[in-house]
Amino acid sequence: MDELMRIAKEHHFTADQLIQEAECVEEYGEWQHMLLLGYSADMLRNAAEKLQ
């Protein structure tokens, strides 16, 4: 989770972008951003909550 938070902050991802990424992973099994490749939908949602 620490690595995901570092990436999110360093690359200025918003909470909404992380939620959108989580939905894409969950619905299609695909990632929009290569930097987030491999993170689960749950991890992305948790990171989004921490950013809000």
PDB file of N, CA and C in Angstrom:
ATOM      1  N   MET A   1       0.829  -1.198   0.000  1.00  0.00           N
ATOM      2  CA  MET A   1       0.000   0.000   0.000  1.00  0.00           C
ATOM      3  C   MET A   1       0.867   1.253   0.000  1.00  0.00           C
ATOM      4  N   ASP A   2       1.992   1.223   0.710  1.00  0.00           N
ATOM      5  CA  ASP A   2       2.870   2.395   0.752  1.00  0.00           C
ATOM      6  C   ASP A   2       3.386   2.746  -0.640  1.00  0.00           C
ATOM      7  N   GLU A   3       3.745   1.728  -1.412  1.00  0.00           N
ATOM      8  CA  GLU A   3       4.242   1.952  -2.763  1.00  0.00           C
ATOM      9  C   GLU A   3       3.143   2.553  -3.645  1.00  0.00           C
ATOM     10  N   LEU A   4       1.948   2.052  -3.516  1.00  0.00           N
ATOM     11  CA  LEU A   4       0.822   2.585  -4.297  1.00  0.00           C
ATOM     12  C   LEU A   4       0.557   4.041  -3.926  1.00  0.00           C
ATOM     13  N   MET A   5       0.594   4.368  -2.663  1.00  0.00           N
ATOM     14  CA  MET A   5       0.381   5.755  -2.230  1.00  0.00           C
ATOM     15  C   MET A   5       1.493   6.655  -2.759  1.00  0.00           C
ATOM     16  N   ARG A   6       2.719   6.177  -2.764  1.00  0.00           N
ATOM     17  CA  ARG A   6       3.836   6.955  -3.283  1.00  0.00           C
ATOM     18  C   ARG A   6       3.628   7.253  -4.768  1.00  0.00           C
ATOM     19  N   ILE A   7       3.232   6.228  -5.520  1.00  0.00           N
ATOM     20  CA  ILE A   7       2.979   6.397  -6.954  1.00  0.00           C
ATOM     21  C   ILE A   7       1.847   7.398  -7.179  1.00  0.00           C
ATOM     22  N   ALA A   8       0.760   7.243  -6.429  1.00  0.00           N
ATOM     23  CA  ALA A   8      -0.400   8.120  -6.592  1.00  0.00           C
ATOM     24  C   ALA A   8      -0.030   9.578  -6.330  1.00  0.00           C
ATOM     25  N   LYS A   9       0.727   9.822  -5.283  1.00  0.00           N
ATOM     26  CA  LYS A   9       1.105  11.194  -4.941  1.00  0.00           C
ATOM     27  C   LYS A   9       2.141  11.744  -5.920  1.00  0.00           C
ATOM     28  N   GLU A  10       3.124  10.935  -6.257  1.00  0.00           N
ATOM     29  CA  GLU A  10       4.197  11.375  -7.143  1.00  0.00           C
ATOM     30  C   GLU A  10       3.687  11.722  -8.543  1.00  0.00           C
ATOM     31  N   HIS A  11       2.677  10.991  -9.000  1.00  0.00           N
ATOM     32  CA  HIS A  11       2.145  11.203 -10.343  1.00  0.00           C
ATOM     33  C   HIS A  11       0.809  11.953 -10.335  1.00  0.00           C
ATOM     34  N   HIS A  12       0.453  12.506  -9.184  1.00  0.00           N
ATOM     35  CA  HIS A  12      -0.712  13.379  -9.033  1.00  0.00           C
ATOM     36  C   HIS A  12      -2.024  12.724  -9.449  1.00  0.00           C
ATOM     37  N   PHE A  13      -2.192  11.448  -9.096  1.00  0.00           N
ATOM     38  CA  PHE A  13      -3.477  10.789  -9.323  1.00  0.00           C
ATOM     39  C   PHE A  13      -4.470  11.321  -8.300  1.00  0.00           C
ATOM     40  N   THR A  14      -5.684  11.570  -8.738  1.00  0.00           N
ATOM     41  CA  THR A  14      -6.740  11.995  -7.816  1.00  0.00           C
ATOM     42  C   THR A  14      -7.472  10.754  -7.302  1.00  0.00           C
ATOM     43  N   ALA A  15      -8.246  10.952  -6.260  1.00  0.00           N
ATOM     44  CA  ALA A  15      -9.048   9.856  -5.723  1.00  0.00           C
ATOM     45  C   ALA A  15     -10.014   9.345  -6.793  1.00  0.00           C
ATOM     46  N   ASP A  16     -10.606  10.258  -7.547  1.00  0.00           N
ATOM     47  CA  ASP A  16     -11.542   9.867  -8.609  1.00  0.00           C
ATOM     48  C   ASP A  16     -10.855   9.018  -9.679  1.00  0.00           C
ATOM     49  N   GLN A  17      -9.633   9.368 -10.024  1.00  0.00           N
ATOM     50  CA  GLN A  17      -8.901   8.584 -11.018  1.00  0.00           C
ATOM     51  C   GLN A  17      -8.619   7.169 -10.508  1.00  0.00           C
ATOM     52  N   LEU A  18      -8.286   7.056  -9.234  1.00  0.00           N
ATOM     53  CA  LEU A  18      -8.027   5.734  -8.666  1.00  0.00           C
ATOM     54  C   LEU A  18      -9.301   4.898  -8.604  1.00  0.00           C
ATOM     55  N   ILE A  19     -10.421   5.541  -8.300  1.00  0.00           N
ATOM     56  CA  ILE A  19     -11.701   4.827  -8.279  1.00  0.00           C
ATOM     57  C   ILE A  19     -12.061   4.360  -9.682  1.00  0.00           C
ATOM     58  N   GLN A  20     -11.845   5.219 -10.663  1.00  0.00           N
ATOM     59  CA  GLN A  20     -12.111   4.843 -12.052  1.00  0.00           C
ATOM     60  C   GLN A  20     -11.214   3.673 -12.470  1.00  0.00           C
ATOM     61  N   GLU A  21      -9.977   3.712 -12.061  1.00  0.00           N
ATOM     62  CA  GLU A  21      -9.043   2.619 -12.356  1.00  0.00           C
ATOM     63  C   GLU A  21      -9.528   1.319 -11.718  1.00  0.00           C
ATOM     64  N   ALA A  22      -9.992   1.400 -10.474  1.00  0.00           N
ATOM     65  CA  ALA A  22     -10.501   0.226  -9.771  1.00  0.00           C
ATOM     66  C   ALA A  22     -11.702  -0.369 -10.497  1.00  0.00           C
ATOM     67  N   GLU A  23     -12.584   0.479 -10.973  1.00  0.00           N
ATOM     68  CA  GLU A  23     -13.763   0.002 -11.705  1.00  0.00           C
ATOM     69  C   GLU A  23     -13.355  -0.693 -13.007  1.00  0.00           C
ATOM     70  N   CYS A  24     -12.374  -0.149 -13.677  1.00  0.00           N
ATOM     71  CA  CYS A  24     -11.881  -0.743 -14.925  1.00  0.00           C
ATOM     72  C   CYS A  24     -11.255  -2.116 -14.653  1.00  0.00           C
ATOM     73  N   VAL A  25     -10.469  -2.203 -13.601  1.00  0.00           N
ATOM     74  CA  VAL A  25      -9.843  -3.472 -13.231  1.00  0.00           C
ATOM     75  C   VAL A  25     -10.911  -4.501 -12.891  1.00  0.00           C
ATOM     76  N   GLU A  26     -11.893  -4.073 -12.118  1.00  0.00           N
ATOM     77  CA  GLU A  26     -12.943  -4.977 -11.668  1.00  0.00           C
ATOM     78  C   GLU A  26     -13.833  -5.447 -12.823  1.00  0.00           C
ATOM     79  N   GLU A  27     -14.228  -4.530 -13.681  1.00  0.00           N
ATOM     80  CA  GLU A  27     -15.172  -4.865 -14.747  1.00  0.00           C
ATOM     81  C   GLU A  27     -14.521  -5.536 -15.953  1.00  0.00           C
ATOM     82  N   TYR A  28     -13.320  -5.071 -16.311  1.00  0.00           N
ATOM     83  CA  TYR A  28     -12.698  -5.548 -17.552  1.00  0.00           C
ATOM     84  C   TYR A  28     -11.402  -6.319 -17.346  1.00  0.00           C
ATOM     85  N   GLY A  29     -10.870  -6.286 -16.127  1.00  0.00           N
ATOM     86  CA  GLY A  29      -9.601  -6.960 -15.867  1.00  0.00           C
ATOM     87  C   GLY A  29      -8.431  -6.275 -16.549  1.00  0.00           C
ATOM     88  N   GLU A  30      -8.575  -4.970 -16.794  1.00  0.00           N
ATOM     89  CA  GLU A  30      -7.543  -4.195 -17.476  1.00  0.00           C
ATOM     90  C   GLU A  30      -7.238  -2.927 -16.691  1.00  0.00           C
ATOM     91  N   TRP A  31      -6.022  -2.449 -16.855  1.00  0.00           N
ATOM     92  CA  TRP A  31      -5.579  -1.234 -16.202  1.00  0.00           C
ATOM     93  C   TRP A  31      -5.430  -0.142 -17.245  1.00  0.00           C
ATOM     94  N   GLN A  32      -5.773   1.078 -16.873  1.00  0.00           N
ATOM     95  CA  GLN A  32      -5.638   2.219 -17.775  1.00  0.00           C
ATOM     96  C   GLN A  32      -4.224   2.788 -17.716  1.00  0.00           C
ATOM     97  N   HIS A  33      -3.625   2.749 -16.552  1.00  0.00           N
ATOM     98  CA  HIS A  33      -2.300   3.330 -16.342  1.00  0.00           C
ATOM     99  C   HIS A  33      -1.290   2.225 -16.021  1.00  0.00           C
ATOM    100  N   MET A  34      -0.228   2.187 -16.783  1.00  0.00           N
ATOM    101  CA  MET A  34       0.793   1.158 -16.591  1.00  0.00           C
ATOM    102  C   MET A  34       1.414   1.223 -15.200  1.00  0.00           C
ATOM    103  N   LEU A  35       1.479   2.410 -14.617  1.00  0.00           N
ATOM    104  CA  LEU A  35       2.063   2.559 -13.281  1.00  0.00           C
ATOM    105  C   LEU A  35       1.268   1.801 -12.223  1.00  0.00           C
ATOM    106  N   LEU A  36       0.000   1.575 -12.478  1.00  0.00           N
ATOM    107  CA  LEU A  36      -0.874   0.921 -11.502  1.00  0.00           C
ATOM    108  C   LEU A  36      -1.108  -0.556 -11.806  1.00  0.00           C
ATOM    109  N   LEU A  37      -0.450  -1.039 -12.826  1.00  0.00           N
ATOM    110  CA  LEU A  37      -0.600  -2.435 -13.249  1.00  0.00           C
ATOM    111  C   LEU A  37      -0.314  -3.389 -12.093  1.00  0.00           C
ATOM    112  N   GLY A  38      -1.227  -4.302 -11.864  1.00  0.00           N
ATOM    113  CA  GLY A  38      -1.043  -5.311 -10.830  1.00  0.00           C
ATOM    114  C   GLY A  38      -1.721  -5.007  -9.508  1.00  0.00           C
ATOM    115  N   TYR A  39      -2.113  -3.757  -9.301  1.00  0.00           N
ATOM    116  CA  TYR A  39      -2.820  -3.425  -8.064  1.00  0.00           C
ATOM    117  C   TYR A  39      -4.284  -3.837  -8.202  1.00  0.00           C
ATOM    118  N   SER A  40      -4.816  -4.448  -7.172  1.00  0.00           N
ATOM    119  CA  SER A  40      -6.203  -4.914  -7.209  1.00  0.00           C
ATOM    120  C   SER A  40      -7.166  -3.738  -7.078  1.00  0.00           C
ATOM    121  N   ALA A  41      -8.409  -3.987  -7.445  1.00  0.00           N
ATOM    122  CA  ALA A  41      -9.445  -2.966  -7.321  1.00  0.00           C
ATOM    123  C   ALA A  41      -9.595  -2.527  -5.866  1.00  0.00           C
ATOM    124  N   ASP A  42      -9.518  -3.470  -4.943  1.00  0.00           N
ATOM    125  CA  ASP A  42      -9.637  -3.132  -3.518  1.00  0.00           C
ATOM    126  C   ASP A  42      -8.500  -2.231  -3.060  1.00  0.00           C
ATOM    127  N   MET A  43      -7.288  -2.539  -3.498  1.00  0.00           N
ATOM    128  CA  MET A  43      -6.134  -1.708  -3.123  1.00  0.00           C
ATOM    129  C   MET A  43      -6.273  -0.302  -3.694  1.00  0.00           C
ATOM    130  N   LEU A  44      -6.742  -0.212  -4.925  1.00  0.00           N
ATOM    131  CA  LEU A  44      -6.918   1.107  -5.541  1.00  0.00           C
ATOM    132  C   LEU A  44      -7.997   1.906  -4.822  1.00  0.00           C
ATOM    133  N   ARG A  45      -9.074   1.261  -4.419  1.00  0.00           N
ATOM    134  CA  ARG A  45     -10.137   1.955  -3.670  1.00  0.00           C
ATOM    135  C   ARG A  45      -9.635   2.414  -2.300  1.00  0.00           C
ATOM    136  N   ASN A  46      -8.862   1.572  -1.637  1.00  0.00           N
ATOM    137  CA  ASN A  46      -8.305   1.952  -0.333  1.00  0.00           C
ATOM    138  C   ASN A  46      -7.383   3.161  -0.463  1.00  0.00           C
ATOM    139  N   ALA A  47      -6.583   3.182  -1.507  1.00  0.00           N
ATOM    140  CA  ALA A  47      -5.695   4.323  -1.745  1.00  0.00           C
ATOM    141  C   ALA A  47      -6.519   5.580  -2.020  1.00  0.00           C
ATOM    142  N   ALA A  48      -7.602   5.435  -2.782  1.00  0.00           N
ATOM    143  CA  ALA A  48      -8.466   6.568  -3.085  1.00  0.00           C
ATOM    144  C   ALA A  48      -9.066   7.150  -1.799  1.00  0.00           C
ATOM    145  N   GLU A  49      -9.477   6.275  -0.898  1.00  0.00           N
ATOM    146  CA  GLU A  49     -10.029   6.744   0.376  1.00  0.00           C
ATOM    147  C   GLU A  49      -9.004   7.533   1.168  1.00  0.00           C
ATOM    148  N   LYS A  50      -7.761   7.084   1.146  1.00  0.00           N
ATOM    149  CA  LYS A  50      -6.712   7.775   1.887  1.00  0.00           C
ATOM    150  C   LYS A  50      -6.379   9.128   1.270  1.00  0.00           C
ATOM    151  N   LEU A  51      -6.565   9.263  -0.030  1.00  0.00           N
ATOM    152  CA  LEU A  51      -6.271  10.532  -0.698  1.00  0.00           C
ATOM    153  C   LEU A  51      -7.357  11.582  -0.457  1.00  0.00           C
ATOM    154  N   GLN A  52      -8.552  11.148  -0.129  1.00  0.00           N
ATOM    155  CA  GLN A  52      -9.660  12.098   0.050  1.00  0.00           C
ATOM    156  C   GLN A  52      -9.548  12.841   1.353  1.00  0.00           C
TER     157      GLN A  52
END
